[in-house]
């Protein structure tokens, strides 16, 4: 089964097509990079994969199911760009951030309980974030913020991890640690990793990249 299978997909805003005739098949367990210049449609493609944007034409199948049929996204983890994390306007601790991704299990009151918090603490400890469990996310460095977002994505044990330029604006040491973390999740847990990035050389020097694609003129091309 393919982790992602996109067939003959078009997407556009108003009359303008951003992506057209897009075909992409990513095997389960792969470590895949998506490249492209600013405004090429990389983030748009990820939003289509996540079901946030609906294509004008074509099929988008994630983990063997049409994305429009998903009612639960537990199998799909998402890590946004760091500027999205920085835009959080209210103080929220790492523990609260990670726990909130268990919202589907909160029950009808939609309030987390001790079991949810303990699960979040376990993930944070596993990812080396024990010292920061009760720290507000917006007080952390960029690298630690992204590690917290990885914890948030992992708490539901996803099969697929989608990341949008997660290392942009992160210092060299934290960037390398982040890439090693993704490599280990891919190799040791079999999680499929799909990442939009400009950091091709840095990632290839640490992780075993299975496929690389580039978006040019709205079309996905294999590199």
N, C-alpha and C. Protein backbone atom coordinates (compact mmCIF):
# COMPACT_ATOMS: atom_id res chain seq x y z
N UNK A 1 0.84 -1.20 0.00
CA UNK A 1 0.00 0.00 0.00
C UNK A 1 0.88 1.25 0.00
N UNK A 2 0.51 2.22 -0.79
CA UNK A 2 1.23 3.48 -0.82
C UNK A 2 0.82 4.35 0.36
N UNK A 3 1.80 5.05 0.95
CA UNK A 3 1.47 6.01 2.00
C UNK A 3 0.72 7.19 1.41
N UNK A 4 1.16 7.64 0.23
CA UNK A 4 0.52 8.74 -0.47
C UNK A 4 0.41 8.37 -1.94
N UNK A 5 -0.77 8.56 -2.51
CA UNK A 5 -0.99 8.26 -3.93
C UNK A 5 -1.86 9.36 -4.53
N UNK A 6 -1.22 10.25 -5.27
CA UNK A 6 -1.91 11.38 -5.90
C UNK A 6 -1.95 11.15 -7.40
N UNK A 7 -3.15 11.26 -7.98
CA UNK A 7 -3.32 10.96 -9.40
C UNK A 7 -4.00 12.12 -10.13
N UNK A 8 -3.32 12.65 -11.15
CA UNK A 8 -3.89 13.65 -12.06
C UNK A 8 -4.57 14.80 -11.31
N UNK A 9 -3.87 15.34 -10.34
CA UNK A 9 -4.45 16.35 -9.45
C UNK A 9 -4.16 17.77 -9.92
N UNK A 10 -5.20 18.60 -9.91
CA UNK A 10 -5.09 20.04 -10.15
C UNK A 10 -5.58 20.77 -8.91
N UNK A 11 -4.90 21.88 -8.58
CA UNK A 11 -5.40 22.77 -7.53
C UNK A 11 -5.09 24.21 -7.91
N UNK A 12 -6.05 25.09 -7.63
CA UNK A 12 -5.83 26.50 -7.91
C UNK A 12 -6.69 27.38 -7.04
N UNK A 13 -6.25 28.63 -6.90
CA UNK A 13 -7.03 29.66 -6.22
C UNK A 13 -7.68 30.52 -7.30
N UNK A 14 -8.96 30.74 -7.18
CA UNK A 14 -9.70 31.49 -8.20
C UNK A 14 -9.48 30.83 -9.56
N UNK A 15 -9.02 31.60 -10.53
CA UNK A 15 -8.85 31.06 -11.88
C UNK A 15 -7.44 30.51 -12.12
N UNK A 16 -6.53 30.78 -11.20
CA UNK A 16 -5.12 30.42 -11.42
C UNK A 16 -4.82 29.05 -10.84
N UNK A 17 -4.20 28.19 -11.65
CA UNK A 17 -3.75 26.89 -11.19
C UNK A 17 -2.39 27.02 -10.53
N UNK A 18 -2.28 26.51 -9.31
CA UNK A 18 -1.00 26.47 -8.61
C UNK A 18 -0.30 25.14 -8.87
N UNK A 19 -1.08 24.08 -8.90
CA UNK A 19 -0.59 22.73 -9.19
C UNK A 19 -1.44 22.13 -10.29
N UNK A 20 -0.81 21.44 -11.23
CA UNK A 20 -1.61 20.83 -12.30
C UNK A 20 -0.96 19.53 -12.78
N UNK A 21 -1.83 18.61 -13.16
CA UNK A 21 -1.40 17.29 -13.66
C UNK A 21 -0.40 16.65 -12.71
N UNK A 22 -0.68 16.73 -11.42
CA UNK A 22 0.27 16.22 -10.42
C UNK A 22 0.04 14.74 -10.14
N UNK A 23 1.11 13.99 -10.20
CA UNK A 23 1.09 12.57 -9.86
C UNK A 23 2.24 12.29 -8.91
N UNK A 24 1.93 11.60 -7.82
CA UNK A 24 2.94 11.33 -6.81
C UNK A 24 2.57 10.06 -6.06
N UNK A 25 3.51 9.11 -6.02
CA UNK A 25 3.28 7.86 -5.29
C UNK A 25 4.45 7.62 -4.35
N UNK A 26 4.16 7.62 -3.05
CA UNK A 26 5.19 7.46 -2.03
C UNK A 26 4.93 6.15 -1.28
N UNK A 27 5.94 5.30 -1.26
CA UNK A 27 5.81 4.01 -0.59
C UNK A 27 5.82 4.17 0.92
N UNK A 28 5.14 3.26 1.60
CA UNK A 28 5.19 3.25 3.06
C UNK A 28 6.62 3.00 3.50
N UNK A 29 7.03 3.71 4.54
CA UNK A 29 8.37 3.54 5.08
C UNK A 29 9.43 4.38 4.40
N UNK A 30 9.05 5.20 3.44
CA UNK A 30 10.01 6.04 2.73
C UNK A 30 10.39 7.28 3.51
N UNK A 31 11.51 7.88 3.11
CA UNK A 31 11.94 9.17 3.63
C UNK A 31 12.06 10.08 2.41
N UNK A 32 11.09 10.95 2.21
CA UNK A 32 10.91 11.66 0.94
C UNK A 32 11.03 13.16 1.16
N UNK A 33 11.78 13.82 0.28
CA UNK A 33 11.93 15.26 0.31
C UNK A 33 11.22 15.90 -0.87
N UNK A 34 10.61 17.06 -0.64
CA UNK A 34 9.96 17.83 -1.69
C UNK A 34 10.60 19.21 -1.73
N UNK A 35 11.19 19.55 -2.86
CA UNK A 35 11.91 20.79 -3.04
C UNK A 35 11.13 21.73 -3.94
N UNK A 36 11.59 22.98 -4.01
CA UNK A 36 10.96 23.95 -4.89
C UNK A 36 11.21 25.35 -4.39
N UNK A 37 11.16 26.30 -5.30
CA UNK A 37 11.37 27.70 -4.93
C UNK A 37 10.20 28.27 -4.16
N UNK A 38 10.40 29.46 -3.62
CA UNK A 38 9.32 30.15 -2.91
C UNK A 38 8.14 30.39 -3.86
N UNK A 39 6.95 30.05 -3.37
CA UNK A 39 5.76 30.24 -4.19
C UNK A 39 5.54 29.16 -5.22
N UNK A 40 6.31 28.08 -5.16
CA UNK A 40 6.17 27.02 -6.16
C UNK A 40 4.97 26.12 -5.91
N UNK A 41 4.44 26.15 -4.69
CA UNK A 41 3.27 25.33 -4.37
C UNK A 41 3.56 24.19 -3.40
N UNK A 42 4.73 24.22 -2.76
CA UNK A 42 5.10 23.13 -1.84
C UNK A 42 4.13 23.03 -0.66
N UNK A 43 3.91 24.15 0.02
CA UNK A 43 3.01 24.14 1.17
C UNK A 43 1.58 23.85 0.75
N UNK A 44 1.21 24.33 -0.42
CA UNK A 44 -0.12 24.04 -0.95
C UNK A 44 -0.30 22.54 -1.15
N UNK A 45 0.72 21.89 -1.69
CA UNK A 45 0.66 20.44 -1.89
C UNK A 45 0.44 19.72 -0.56
N UNK A 46 1.15 20.14 0.48
CA UNK A 46 0.97 19.50 1.79
C UNK A 46 -0.44 19.69 2.31
N UNK A 47 -1.01 20.88 2.10
CA UNK A 47 -2.37 21.14 2.57
C UNK A 47 -3.39 20.28 1.82
N UNK A 48 -3.11 20.01 0.56
CA UNK A 48 -3.97 19.09 -0.20
C UNK A 48 -3.85 17.68 0.37
N UNK A 49 -2.62 17.26 0.69
CA UNK A 49 -2.41 15.93 1.29
C UNK A 49 -3.14 15.80 2.62
N UNK A 50 -3.17 16.89 3.38
CA UNK A 50 -3.79 16.87 4.71
C UNK A 50 -5.30 17.09 4.68
N UNK A 51 -5.83 17.33 3.49
CA UNK A 51 -7.27 17.53 3.36
C UNK A 51 -7.73 18.93 3.70
N UNK A 52 -6.78 19.86 3.92
CA UNK A 52 -7.15 21.24 4.22
C UNK A 52 -7.61 21.99 2.97
N UNK A 53 -7.12 21.58 1.83
CA UNK A 53 -7.52 22.16 0.55
C UNK A 53 -8.06 21.05 -0.35
N UNK A 54 -9.11 21.36 -1.08
CA UNK A 54 -9.74 20.37 -1.95
C UNK A 54 -9.31 20.61 -3.39
N UNK A 55 -8.75 19.60 -4.05
CA UNK A 55 -8.32 19.79 -5.44
C UNK A 55 -9.50 19.97 -6.38
N UNK A 56 -9.23 20.64 -7.49
CA UNK A 56 -10.27 20.80 -8.51
C UNK A 56 -10.52 19.49 -9.25
N UNK A 57 -9.45 18.70 -9.37
CA UNK A 57 -9.53 17.48 -10.16
C UNK A 57 -8.54 16.47 -9.61
N UNK A 58 -8.84 15.20 -9.81
CA UNK A 58 -7.90 14.16 -9.46
C UNK A 58 -8.20 13.47 -8.14
N UNK A 59 -7.32 12.55 -7.78
CA UNK A 59 -7.47 11.74 -6.57
C UNK A 59 -6.31 12.00 -5.62
N UNK A 60 -6.63 12.02 -4.33
CA UNK A 60 -5.62 12.11 -3.29
C UNK A 60 -5.92 11.01 -2.26
N UNK A 61 -5.10 9.97 -2.27
CA UNK A 61 -5.28 8.84 -1.35
C UNK A 61 -4.13 8.82 -0.35
N UNK A 62 -4.48 8.77 0.92
CA UNK A 62 -3.51 8.74 2.00
C UNK A 62 -3.71 7.45 2.79
N UNK A 63 -2.64 6.64 2.87
CA UNK A 63 -2.68 5.36 3.58
C UNK A 63 -3.85 4.49 3.09
N UNK A 64 -4.04 4.52 1.78
CA UNK A 64 -5.02 3.63 1.16
C UNK A 64 -6.45 4.14 1.14
N UNK A 65 -6.69 5.38 1.63
CA UNK A 65 -8.06 5.91 1.66
C UNK A 65 -8.10 7.30 1.05
N UNK A 66 -9.21 7.62 0.34
CA UNK A 66 -9.35 9.00 -0.14
C UNK A 66 -9.32 9.98 1.03
N UNK A 67 -8.56 11.06 0.89
CA UNK A 67 -8.39 11.99 2.01
C UNK A 67 -9.73 12.60 2.43
N UNK A 68 -10.67 12.73 1.51
CA UNK A 68 -11.95 13.35 1.87
C UNK A 68 -12.80 12.44 2.75
N UNK A 69 -12.43 11.15 2.89
CA UNK A 69 -13.20 10.24 3.74
C UNK A 69 -12.69 10.21 5.17
N UNK A 70 -11.58 10.90 5.44
CA UNK A 70 -11.01 10.85 6.78
C UNK A 70 -11.87 11.64 7.77
N UNK A 71 -12.16 11.01 8.89
CA UNK A 71 -12.82 11.70 10.00
C UNK A 71 -11.88 11.79 11.19
N UNK A 72 -10.85 10.93 11.21
CA UNK A 72 -9.82 10.95 12.24
C UNK A 72 -8.46 11.01 11.55
N UNK A 73 -7.59 11.87 12.08
CA UNK A 73 -6.27 12.06 11.47
C UNK A 73 -5.16 11.51 12.36
N UNK A 74 -5.50 10.54 13.22
CA UNK A 74 -4.50 9.99 14.14
C UNK A 74 -3.32 9.37 13.40
N UNK A 75 -3.58 8.79 12.25
CA UNK A 75 -2.50 8.11 11.51
C UNK A 75 -1.58 9.08 10.78
N UNK A 76 -1.96 10.36 10.75
CA UNK A 76 -1.18 11.37 10.02
C UNK A 76 -0.69 12.42 11.00
N UNK A 77 0.64 12.52 11.16
CA UNK A 77 1.22 13.56 12.00
C UNK A 77 1.68 14.72 11.13
N UNK A 78 1.54 15.94 11.65
CA UNK A 78 1.91 17.13 10.87
C UNK A 78 2.75 18.07 11.73
N UNK A 79 3.89 18.52 11.17
CA UNK A 79 4.74 19.51 11.83
C UNK A 79 4.82 20.73 10.92
N UNK A 80 4.31 21.88 11.36
CA UNK A 80 4.27 23.06 10.51
C UNK A 80 5.59 23.82 10.52
N UNK A 81 5.65 24.89 9.76
CA UNK A 81 6.81 25.78 9.78
C UNK A 81 6.92 26.43 11.15
N UNK A 82 8.15 26.79 11.51
CA UNK A 82 8.38 27.34 12.84
C UNK A 82 7.64 28.66 13.06
N UNK A 83 7.39 29.43 11.99
CA UNK A 83 6.66 30.70 12.17
C UNK A 83 5.22 30.46 12.59
N UNK A 84 4.68 29.28 12.30
CA UNK A 84 3.33 28.93 12.77
C UNK A 84 3.36 28.73 14.27
N UNK A 85 4.40 28.07 14.77
CA UNK A 85 4.55 27.86 16.21
C UNK A 85 4.70 29.19 16.91
N UNK A 86 5.51 30.09 16.34
CA UNK A 86 5.74 31.39 16.94
C UNK A 86 4.50 32.27 16.98
N UNK A 87 3.51 31.94 16.15
CA UNK A 87 2.30 32.77 16.08
C UNK A 87 1.30 32.44 17.19
N UNK A 88 1.62 31.43 18.02
CA UNK A 88 0.74 31.10 19.14
C UNK A 88 0.68 32.31 20.08
N UNK A 89 -0.48 32.89 20.21
CA UNK A 89 -0.61 34.17 20.91
C UNK A 89 -0.69 34.03 22.42
N UNK A 90 -1.11 32.87 22.92
CA UNK A 90 -1.28 32.72 24.36
C UNK A 90 -0.26 31.72 24.89
N UNK A 91 0.15 31.86 26.15
CA UNK A 91 1.16 30.95 26.71
C UNK A 91 0.59 29.54 26.87
N UNK A 92 1.29 28.57 26.33
CA UNK A 92 0.89 27.17 26.44
C UNK A 92 2.15 26.36 26.67
N UNK A 93 2.14 25.49 27.65
CA UNK A 93 3.32 24.70 27.95
C UNK A 93 3.48 23.56 26.94
N UNK A 94 4.67 22.99 26.93
CA UNK A 94 4.92 21.84 26.06
C UNK A 94 3.94 20.71 26.39
N UNK A 95 3.73 20.48 27.68
CA UNK A 95 2.79 19.43 28.10
C UNK A 95 1.40 19.68 27.56
N UNK A 96 0.93 20.91 27.67
CA UNK A 96 -0.42 21.24 27.18
C UNK A 96 -0.49 21.11 25.67
N UNK A 97 0.54 21.58 24.98
CA UNK A 97 0.55 21.51 23.51
C UNK A 97 0.45 20.07 23.03
N UNK A 98 1.25 19.20 23.62
CA UNK A 98 1.28 17.80 23.19
C UNK A 98 -0.02 17.09 23.57
N UNK A 99 -0.51 17.35 24.78
CA UNK A 99 -1.73 16.70 25.25
C UNK A 99 -2.93 17.05 24.37
N UNK A 100 -2.98 18.29 23.89
CA UNK A 100 -4.13 18.73 23.10
C UNK A 100 -4.32 17.89 21.83
N UNK A 101 -3.26 17.24 21.35
CA UNK A 101 -3.41 16.44 20.14
C UNK A 101 -4.10 15.11 20.41
N UNK A 102 -4.47 14.87 21.66
CA UNK A 102 -5.27 13.69 22.03
C UNK A 102 -6.75 14.05 22.14
N UNK A 103 -7.13 15.21 21.58
CA UNK A 103 -8.49 15.73 21.78
C UNK A 103 -9.58 14.74 21.39
N UNK A 104 -9.32 13.87 20.41
CA UNK A 104 -10.34 12.89 19.99
C UNK A 104 -10.66 11.90 21.11
N UNK A 105 -9.75 11.77 22.08
CA UNK A 105 -9.95 10.81 23.17
C UNK A 105 -10.40 11.48 24.48
N UNK A 106 -10.72 12.77 24.43
CA UNK A 106 -11.04 13.48 25.66
C UNK A 106 -12.43 13.17 26.21
N UNK A 107 -13.29 12.56 25.43
CA UNK A 107 -14.65 12.31 25.88
C UNK A 107 -15.55 13.50 25.61
N UNK A 108 -16.79 13.38 26.02
CA UNK A 108 -17.78 14.39 25.63
C UNK A 108 -17.53 15.75 26.29
N UNK A 109 -16.83 15.77 27.42
CA UNK A 109 -16.52 17.05 28.05
C UNK A 109 -15.34 17.76 27.37
N UNK A 110 -14.58 17.00 26.56
CA UNK A 110 -13.41 17.55 25.85
C UNK A 110 -12.40 18.17 26.81
N UNK A 111 -12.18 17.47 27.93
CA UNK A 111 -11.20 17.91 28.91
C UNK A 111 -10.21 16.77 29.13
N UNK A 112 -8.90 17.04 29.03
CA UNK A 112 -7.92 15.98 29.26
C UNK A 112 -7.88 15.55 30.72
N UNK A 113 -7.53 14.28 30.94
CA UNK A 113 -7.40 13.78 32.31
C UNK A 113 -5.97 13.31 32.56
N UNK A 114 -5.73 12.71 33.72
CA UNK A 114 -4.38 12.31 34.11
C UNK A 114 -3.76 11.36 33.10
N UNK A 115 -4.56 10.45 32.57
CA UNK A 115 -4.05 9.48 31.59
C UNK A 115 -3.48 10.19 30.36
N UNK A 116 -4.17 11.22 29.90
CA UNK A 116 -3.71 11.96 28.72
C UNK A 116 -2.40 12.70 29.03
N UNK A 117 -2.33 13.34 30.19
CA UNK A 117 -1.12 14.07 30.55
C UNK A 117 0.07 13.13 30.72
N UNK A 118 -0.16 11.96 31.29
CA UNK A 118 0.93 11.00 31.48
C UNK A 118 1.45 10.50 30.13
N UNK A 119 0.56 10.30 29.19
CA UNK A 119 0.99 9.87 27.86
C UNK A 119 1.83 10.95 27.20
N UNK A 120 1.42 12.20 27.35
CA UNK A 120 2.17 13.31 26.78
C UNK A 120 3.55 13.44 27.43
N UNK A 121 3.61 13.28 28.76
CA UNK A 121 4.89 13.34 29.45
C UNK A 121 5.83 12.25 28.96
N UNK A 122 5.29 11.07 28.72
CA UNK A 122 6.11 9.95 28.26
C UNK A 122 6.74 10.26 26.90
N UNK A 123 5.95 10.86 26.00
CA UNK A 123 6.48 11.20 24.67
C UNK A 123 7.54 12.29 24.79
N UNK A 124 7.29 13.30 25.62
CA UNK A 124 8.26 14.37 25.81
C UNK A 124 9.57 13.84 26.39
N UNK A 125 9.48 12.92 27.34
CA UNK A 125 10.70 12.33 27.91
C UNK A 125 11.45 11.53 26.86
N UNK A 126 10.71 10.76 26.08
CA UNK A 126 11.33 9.93 25.04
C UNK A 126 12.10 10.79 24.03
N UNK A 127 11.62 11.99 23.77
CA UNK A 127 12.24 12.88 22.80
C UNK A 127 13.23 13.86 23.44
N UNK A 128 13.63 13.58 24.69
CA UNK A 128 14.63 14.41 25.34
C UNK A 128 14.13 15.77 25.78
N UNK A 129 12.82 15.89 26.02
CA UNK A 129 12.22 17.18 26.39
C UNK A 129 11.79 17.24 27.85
N UNK A 130 12.34 16.35 28.68
CA UNK A 130 11.87 16.26 30.07
C UNK A 130 12.04 17.59 30.82
N UNK A 131 13.14 18.29 30.57
CA UNK A 131 13.40 19.56 31.27
C UNK A 131 12.42 20.66 30.88
N UNK A 132 11.71 20.46 29.77
CA UNK A 132 10.87 21.54 29.23
C UNK A 132 9.37 21.24 29.30
N UNK A 133 9.01 20.19 30.03
CA UNK A 133 7.61 19.75 30.08
C UNK A 133 6.67 20.90 30.47
N UNK A 134 7.08 21.69 31.45
CA UNK A 134 6.20 22.75 31.95
C UNK A 134 6.60 24.14 31.46
N UNK A 135 7.49 24.21 30.49
CA UNK A 135 7.93 25.49 29.94
C UNK A 135 6.98 25.94 28.83
N UNK A 136 6.64 27.24 28.78
CA UNK A 136 5.83 27.75 27.66
C UNK A 136 6.58 27.55 26.33
N UNK A 137 5.87 27.10 25.34
CA UNK A 137 6.48 26.80 24.04
C UNK A 137 7.12 28.05 23.45
N UNK A 138 6.46 29.20 23.60
CA UNK A 138 6.99 30.41 22.95
C UNK A 138 8.21 30.99 23.66
N UNK A 139 8.67 30.33 24.75
CA UNK A 139 9.91 30.73 25.41
C UNK A 139 11.09 29.86 24.99
N UNK A 140 10.84 28.85 24.18
CA UNK A 140 11.89 27.91 23.78
C UNK A 140 12.59 28.40 22.52
N UNK A 141 13.80 27.87 22.28
CA UNK A 141 14.51 28.13 21.03
C UNK A 141 13.76 27.47 19.88
N UNK A 142 14.10 27.87 18.66
CA UNK A 142 13.44 27.30 17.49
C UNK A 142 13.57 25.80 17.41
N UNK A 143 14.77 25.28 17.72
CA UNK A 143 14.98 23.84 17.66
C UNK A 143 14.14 23.09 18.67
N UNK A 144 14.02 23.63 19.89
CA UNK A 144 13.20 22.98 20.91
C UNK A 144 11.72 23.10 20.59
N UNK A 145 11.32 24.20 20.01
CA UNK A 145 9.92 24.33 19.59
C UNK A 145 9.56 23.24 18.59
N UNK A 146 10.45 23.00 17.62
CA UNK A 146 10.16 21.99 16.62
C UNK A 146 10.18 20.59 17.22
N UNK A 147 11.03 20.38 18.23
CA UNK A 147 11.04 19.08 18.89
C UNK A 147 9.72 18.87 19.64
N UNK A 148 9.19 19.96 20.23
CA UNK A 148 7.89 19.87 20.89
C UNK A 148 6.79 19.54 19.88
N UNK A 149 6.88 20.13 18.68
CA UNK A 149 5.88 19.84 17.65
C UNK A 149 5.99 18.40 17.15
N UNK A 150 7.21 17.85 17.12
CA UNK A 150 7.37 16.43 16.79
C UNK A 150 6.67 15.58 17.84
N UNK A 151 6.84 15.92 19.11
CA UNK A 151 6.15 15.18 20.18
C UNK A 151 4.64 15.24 19.99
N UNK A 152 4.16 16.42 19.66
CA UNK A 152 2.72 16.59 19.42
C UNK A 152 2.24 15.69 18.30
N UNK A 153 3.03 15.61 17.23
CA UNK A 153 2.65 14.77 16.09
C UNK A 153 2.73 13.29 16.43
N UNK A 154 3.67 12.90 17.31
CA UNK A 154 3.92 11.48 17.58
C UNK A 154 2.97 10.88 18.61
N UNK A 155 2.26 11.71 19.36
CA UNK A 155 1.51 11.17 20.50
C UNK A 155 0.41 10.20 20.07
N UNK A 156 -0.04 10.29 18.82
CA UNK A 156 -1.07 9.36 18.33
C UNK A 156 -0.48 8.19 17.54
N UNK A 157 0.84 8.01 17.63
CA UNK A 157 1.52 6.92 16.92
C UNK A 157 1.17 6.90 15.42
N UNK A 158 1.47 7.97 14.71
CA UNK A 158 1.09 8.05 13.29
C UNK A 158 1.92 7.11 12.43
N UNK A 159 1.37 6.76 11.27
CA UNK A 159 2.11 5.97 10.28
C UNK A 159 2.83 6.89 9.29
N UNK A 160 2.33 8.12 9.20
CA UNK A 160 2.85 9.08 8.23
C UNK A 160 3.12 10.41 8.93
N UNK A 161 4.29 10.98 8.67
CA UNK A 161 4.68 12.26 9.26
C UNK A 161 4.96 13.24 8.12
N UNK A 162 4.20 14.34 8.09
CA UNK A 162 4.32 15.36 7.05
C UNK A 162 4.87 16.63 7.69
N UNK A 163 5.95 17.17 7.11
CA UNK A 163 6.63 18.32 7.72
C UNK A 163 6.83 19.41 6.68
N UNK A 164 6.55 20.64 7.08
CA UNK A 164 6.66 21.80 6.19
C UNK A 164 7.84 22.67 6.61
N UNK A 165 8.97 22.50 5.95
CA UNK A 165 10.18 23.28 6.23
C UNK A 165 10.46 23.38 7.73
N UNK A 166 10.55 22.24 8.42
CA UNK A 166 10.66 22.27 9.88
C UNK A 166 11.98 22.79 10.41
N UNK A 167 13.04 22.79 9.57
CA UNK A 167 14.36 23.23 10.06
C UNK A 167 14.70 24.67 9.67
N UNK A 168 13.80 25.35 8.99
CA UNK A 168 14.05 26.75 8.61
C UNK A 168 14.16 27.62 9.86
N UNK A 169 15.24 28.38 9.96
CA UNK A 169 15.42 29.25 11.10
C UNK A 169 15.93 28.57 12.36
N UNK A 170 16.31 27.28 12.25
CA UNK A 170 16.83 26.53 13.38
C UNK A 170 18.35 26.49 13.28
N UNK A 171 19.06 26.65 14.42
CA UNK A 171 20.52 26.67 14.38
C UNK A 171 21.09 25.31 13.99
N UNK A 172 22.36 25.28 13.62
CA UNK A 172 22.98 24.09 13.03
C UNK A 172 22.89 22.86 13.93
N UNK A 173 23.24 23.00 15.22
CA UNK A 173 23.23 21.84 16.11
C UNK A 173 21.83 21.28 16.29
N UNK A 174 20.85 22.15 16.52
CA UNK A 174 19.47 21.69 16.68
C UNK A 174 18.92 21.12 15.38
N UNK A 175 19.36 21.69 14.26
CA UNK A 175 18.92 21.19 12.97
C UNK A 175 19.38 19.75 12.77
N UNK A 176 20.66 19.49 13.08
CA UNK A 176 21.20 18.14 12.92
C UNK A 176 20.52 17.16 13.87
N UNK A 177 20.25 17.60 15.09
CA UNK A 177 19.54 16.75 16.05
C UNK A 177 18.15 16.42 15.54
N UNK A 178 17.48 17.40 14.99
CA UNK A 178 16.12 17.22 14.46
C UNK A 178 16.12 16.20 13.31
N UNK A 179 17.09 16.33 12.41
CA UNK A 179 17.16 15.42 11.26
C UNK A 179 17.48 14.00 11.73
N UNK A 180 18.37 13.87 12.71
CA UNK A 180 18.67 12.54 13.26
C UNK A 180 17.43 11.92 13.90
N UNK A 181 16.63 12.76 14.56
CA UNK A 181 15.39 12.26 15.15
C UNK A 181 14.45 11.72 14.08
N UNK A 182 14.30 12.46 12.99
CA UNK A 182 13.45 11.99 11.89
C UNK A 182 14.00 10.70 11.30
N UNK A 183 15.32 10.64 11.13
CA UNK A 183 15.94 9.43 10.60
C UNK A 183 15.61 8.22 11.48
N UNK A 184 15.74 8.40 12.79
CA UNK A 184 15.49 7.28 13.71
C UNK A 184 14.03 6.87 13.71
N UNK A 185 13.13 7.84 13.64
CA UNK A 185 11.69 7.52 13.58
C UNK A 185 11.38 6.74 12.32
N UNK A 186 12.02 7.12 11.23
CA UNK A 186 11.82 6.43 9.96
C UNK A 186 12.38 5.01 10.00
N UNK A 187 13.60 4.87 10.49
CA UNK A 187 14.27 3.58 10.45
C UNK A 187 13.81 2.63 11.54
N UNK A 188 13.58 3.16 12.74
CA UNK A 188 13.27 2.29 13.88
C UNK A 188 11.78 2.04 14.07
N UNK A 189 10.96 2.99 13.65
CA UNK A 189 9.51 2.81 13.82
C UNK A 189 8.79 2.59 12.49
N UNK A 190 9.51 2.76 11.41
CA UNK A 190 8.88 2.57 10.09
C UNK A 190 7.92 3.66 9.71
N UNK A 191 8.03 4.85 10.34
CA UNK A 191 7.14 5.96 10.01
C UNK A 191 7.57 6.56 8.68
N UNK A 192 6.64 6.73 7.76
CA UNK A 192 6.91 7.39 6.50
C UNK A 192 7.09 8.88 6.74
N UNK A 193 8.19 9.44 6.25
CA UNK A 193 8.48 10.86 6.44
C UNK A 193 8.42 11.57 5.09
N UNK A 194 7.61 12.61 5.02
CA UNK A 194 7.50 13.44 3.81
C UNK A 194 7.76 14.88 4.25
N UNK A 195 8.82 15.48 3.70
CA UNK A 195 9.23 16.79 4.20
C UNK A 195 9.51 17.76 3.07
N UNK A 196 8.87 18.92 3.16
CA UNK A 196 9.22 20.06 2.30
C UNK A 196 10.42 20.73 2.93
N UNK A 197 11.45 21.02 2.12
CA UNK A 197 12.68 21.57 2.69
C UNK A 197 13.52 22.28 1.65
N UNK A 198 14.43 23.14 2.15
CA UNK A 198 15.49 23.72 1.33
C UNK A 198 16.85 23.16 1.76
N UNK A 199 16.83 22.22 2.71
CA UNK A 199 18.07 21.75 3.34
C UNK A 199 18.50 20.41 2.75
N UNK A 200 18.56 20.29 1.45
CA UNK A 200 18.81 19.00 0.80
C UNK A 200 20.12 18.37 1.25
N UNK A 201 21.22 19.11 1.15
CA UNK A 201 22.54 18.54 1.46
C UNK A 201 22.65 18.14 2.92
N UNK A 202 22.14 18.99 3.81
CA UNK A 202 22.21 18.68 5.24
C UNK A 202 21.44 17.41 5.57
N UNK A 203 20.27 17.25 4.99
CA UNK A 203 19.45 16.08 5.28
C UNK A 203 20.07 14.82 4.68
N UNK A 204 20.53 14.92 3.45
CA UNK A 204 21.13 13.75 2.80
C UNK A 204 22.40 13.28 3.51
N UNK A 205 23.08 14.19 4.21
CA UNK A 205 24.31 13.81 4.91
C UNK A 205 24.02 13.03 6.20
N UNK A 206 22.77 13.07 6.68
CA UNK A 206 22.41 12.41 7.94
C UNK A 206 21.41 11.28 7.72
N UNK A 207 20.38 11.53 6.95
CA UNK A 207 19.29 10.55 6.77
C UNK A 207 19.44 9.79 5.44
N UNK A 208 18.80 8.66 5.38
CA UNK A 208 18.77 7.88 4.14
C UNK A 208 17.52 8.26 3.36
N UNK A 209 17.69 9.22 2.47
CA UNK A 209 16.56 9.73 1.69
C UNK A 209 16.25 8.73 0.58
N UNK A 210 14.98 8.32 0.51
CA UNK A 210 14.60 7.31 -0.49
C UNK A 210 14.22 7.94 -1.83
N UNK A 211 13.57 9.12 -1.78
CA UNK A 211 13.14 9.78 -3.01
C UNK A 211 13.16 11.30 -2.81
N UNK A 212 13.45 12.02 -3.88
CA UNK A 212 13.41 13.48 -3.86
C UNK A 212 12.61 13.98 -5.05
N UNK A 213 11.72 14.93 -4.79
CA UNK A 213 10.89 15.51 -5.84
C UNK A 213 11.06 17.03 -5.82
N UNK A 214 10.80 17.64 -6.95
CA UNK A 214 10.84 19.10 -7.05
C UNK A 214 9.56 19.58 -7.74
N UNK A 215 9.01 20.68 -7.24
CA UNK A 215 7.85 21.29 -7.90
C UNK A 215 8.35 22.41 -8.78
N UNK A 216 8.10 22.29 -10.07
CA UNK A 216 8.48 23.33 -11.05
C UNK A 216 7.29 23.61 -11.95
N UNK A 217 6.96 24.89 -12.10
CA UNK A 217 5.83 25.29 -12.95
C UNK A 217 4.56 24.55 -12.60
N UNK A 218 4.38 24.29 -11.30
CA UNK A 218 3.15 23.67 -10.83
C UNK A 218 3.08 22.18 -11.03
N UNK A 219 4.20 21.55 -11.46
CA UNK A 219 4.21 20.12 -11.72
C UNK A 219 5.22 19.45 -10.79
N UNK A 220 4.88 18.25 -10.28
CA UNK A 220 5.79 17.50 -9.43
C UNK A 220 6.71 16.67 -10.33
N UNK A 221 8.02 16.87 -10.15
CA UNK A 221 8.99 16.13 -10.97
C UNK A 221 9.96 15.37 -10.07
N UNK A 222 10.29 14.15 -10.47
CA UNK A 222 11.25 13.36 -9.73
C UNK A 222 12.66 13.88 -10.00
N UNK A 223 13.48 13.99 -8.94
CA UNK A 223 14.86 14.47 -9.11
C UNK A 223 15.81 13.29 -9.36
